[in-house]
Amino acid sequence: MVNVQTMRAFLRNHYKAGNDDTANGLIDAGLDDYEIFPEFSNKDMHNLCTAVRKPGGQILVNNLSQPNPGVNVPPLCGIRLKLGAYAAKYYALVGRPINAQSMSWVYVKHFTKLHTLTDNHKDPDNTPELSK
């Protein structure tokens, strides 16, 4: 398990979480370790960011109940988190370690082209059977 302060700094520095409130919101929502990244799909990561932005529920402010305003998750952070989840799935597939170094933006940003290629891939048409 990663130290909360380490994970907070990691999210701020590599995934542009913005400030400690945003990073804490992401950690509280479940993104508290590097090894959890492969469990998130593109849609899951989008839902996580949405839940942090608008968590719902009520909070007390000056003894008055108000809607929970959530925290700001910058769009760039959401994009990077989605690509990070994609890279982590690839690392898990090929047996590479998922740690702070491999999940840093310096390495993850190179998965953009692979992600684009796999999204745009179309299977080739069936080849005709060979005749005698």
Protein backbone atom coordinates (compact mmCIF):
# COMPACT_ATOMS: atom_id res chain seq x y z
CA MET A 1 0.00 0.00 0.00
CA VAL A 2 1.27 3.42 -0.95
CA ASN A 3 1.60 6.20 1.60
CA VAL A 4 -1.22 8.76 1.17
CA GLN A 5 1.23 11.67 0.94
CA THR A 6 3.22 9.86 -1.74
CA MET A 7 0.10 9.05 -3.77
CA ARG A 8 -1.15 12.64 -3.40
CA ALA A 9 2.15 14.02 -4.73
CA PHE A 10 2.16 11.42 -7.52
CA LEU A 11 -1.35 12.40 -8.68
CA ARG A 12 -0.52 16.10 -8.54
CA ASN A 13 2.82 15.85 -10.32
CA HIS A 14 2.17 13.20 -12.97
CA TYR A 15 -1.58 13.30 -13.55
CA LYS A 16 -2.15 17.04 -13.02
CA ALA A 17 -4.66 16.60 -10.20
CA GLY A 18 -4.27 20.31 -9.52
CA ASN A 19 -4.25 20.61 -5.76
CA ASP A 20 -4.37 18.49 -2.62
CA ASP A 21 -8.18 18.63 -2.48
CA THR A 22 -8.45 17.05 -5.92
CA ALA A 23 -5.81 14.44 -5.17
CA ASN A 24 -7.47 13.63 -1.83
CA GLY A 25 -10.83 13.30 -3.57
CA LEU A 26 -9.36 10.82 -6.07
CA ILE A 27 -7.67 8.87 -3.26
CA ASP A 28 -10.88 8.81 -1.20
CA ALA A 29 -12.75 7.55 -4.27
CA GLY A 30 -10.44 4.53 -4.46
CA LEU A 31 -7.40 5.56 -6.46
CA ASP A 32 -5.06 4.96 -3.53
CA ASP A 33 -2.41 2.69 -5.05
CA TYR A 34 -0.59 2.27 -8.37
CA GLU A 35 -1.67 -1.35 -8.64
CA ILE A 36 -5.37 -0.39 -8.68
CA PHE A 37 -5.05 1.33 -12.08
CA PRO A 38 -5.59 -1.85 -14.18
CA GLU A 39 -8.97 -2.37 -12.52
CA PHE A 40 -10.34 0.79 -14.13
CA SER A 41 -11.72 0.89 -17.65
CA ASN A 42 -12.01 4.12 -19.62
CA LYS A 43 -15.62 4.48 -18.50
CA ASP A 44 -14.77 3.60 -14.89
CA MET A 45 -12.14 6.34 -14.77
CA HIS A 46 -14.64 8.81 -16.26
CA ASN A 47 -17.20 7.78 -13.61
CA LEU A 48 -14.59 8.15 -10.85
CA CYS A 49 -13.78 11.71 -11.95
CA THR A 50 -17.49 12.54 -12.17
CA ALA A 51 -18.11 11.14 -8.68
CA VAL A 52 -15.31 13.28 -7.27
CA ARG A 53 -16.65 16.36 -9.06
CA LYS A 54 -20.24 15.80 -7.91
CA PRO A 55 -20.29 13.35 -5.00
CA GLY A 56 -23.84 14.08 -3.88
CA GLY A 57 -24.97 13.99 -0.29
CA GLN A 58 -24.97 16.74 2.29
CA ILE A 59 -22.28 18.42 4.38
CA LEU A 60 -22.55 20.71 7.40
CA VAL A 61 -21.38 24.30 6.96
CA ASN A 62 -21.94 26.61 9.97
CA ASN A 63 -24.46 24.09 11.38
CA LEU A 64 -26.44 24.24 8.13
CA SER A 65 -26.84 21.28 5.82
CA GLN A 66 -25.77 22.04 2.26
CA PRO A 67 -25.22 19.94 -0.86
CA ASN A 68 -21.69 18.57 -1.10
CA PRO A 69 -19.96 20.74 -3.74
CA GLY A 70 -17.27 18.14 -4.54
CA VAL A 71 -13.88 19.14 -5.89
CA ASN A 72 -12.64 20.26 -9.27
CA VAL A 73 -10.99 17.55 -11.37
CA PRO A 74 -9.32 19.25 -14.34
CA PRO A 75 -10.10 17.71 -17.75
CA LEU A 76 -6.39 17.09 -18.36
CA CYS A 77 -6.29 15.02 -15.17
CA GLY A 78 -9.20 12.87 -16.38
CA ILE A 79 -7.53 12.32 -19.76
CA ARG A 80 -4.25 11.33 -18.14
CA LEU A 81 -5.97 9.00 -15.66
CA LYS A 82 -7.73 7.19 -18.50
CA LEU A 83 -4.45 6.72 -20.35
CA GLY A 84 -2.80 5.63 -17.10
CA ALA A 85 -5.43 2.93 -16.65
CA TYR A 86 -4.84 1.79 -20.24
CA ALA A 87 -1.06 1.64 -19.69
CA ALA A 88 -1.51 -0.28 -16.44
CA LYS A 89 -3.67 -2.88 -18.23
CA TYR A 90 -0.90 -3.27 -20.80
CA TYR A 91 1.73 -3.63 -18.07
CA ALA A 92 -0.38 -6.31 -16.38
CA LEU A 93 -0.84 -8.11 -19.71
CA VAL A 94 2.87 -8.30 -20.45
CA GLY A 95 3.95 -8.90 -16.84
CA ARG A 96 5.65 -5.58 -16.17
CA PRO A 97 5.62 -4.11 -12.67
CA ILE A 98 3.06 -1.44 -11.90
CA ASN A 99 4.80 1.07 -9.66
CA ALA A 100 5.50 4.78 -9.38
CA GLN A 101 8.17 4.71 -12.05
CA SER A 102 6.24 2.74 -14.67
CA MET A 103 3.06 4.75 -14.04
CA SER A 104 4.80 8.13 -14.21
CA TRP A 105 3.66 10.40 -17.03
CA VAL A 106 7.12 10.22 -18.63
CA TYR A 107 6.33 6.61 -19.63
CA VAL A 108 2.53 6.61 -19.79
CA LYS A 109 2.36 9.42 -22.38
CA HIS A 110 3.90 7.08 -24.95
CA PHE A 111 0.81 4.87 -24.83
CA THR A 112 -1.23 7.52 -26.67
CA LYS A 113 -0.32 6.14 -30.11
CA LEU A 114 -0.91 2.52 -29.07
CA HIS A 115 -4.29 3.45 -27.62
CA THR A 116 -5.26 5.27 -30.82
CA LEU A 117 -4.12 2.36 -32.99
CA THR A 118 -6.03 -0.24 -31.01
CA ASP A 119 -9.18 1.92 -30.94
CA ASN A 120 -9.07 2.42 -34.72
CA HIS A 121 -8.11 -1.16 -35.58
CA LYS A 122 -10.44 -3.05 -37.90
CA ASP A 123 -10.08 -6.72 -38.60
CA PRO A 124 -9.20 -7.43 -42.23
CA ASP A 125 -11.84 -8.80 -44.56
CA ASN A 126 -12.02 -12.55 -44.79
CA THR A 127 -9.68 -13.83 -47.43
CA PRO A 128 -11.30 -15.95 -50.14
CA GLU A 129 -10.73 -19.67 -49.93
CA LEU A 130 -8.03 -21.04 -52.16
CA SER A 131 -9.20 -23.11 -55.08
CA LYS A 132 -7.59 -26.32 -56.22
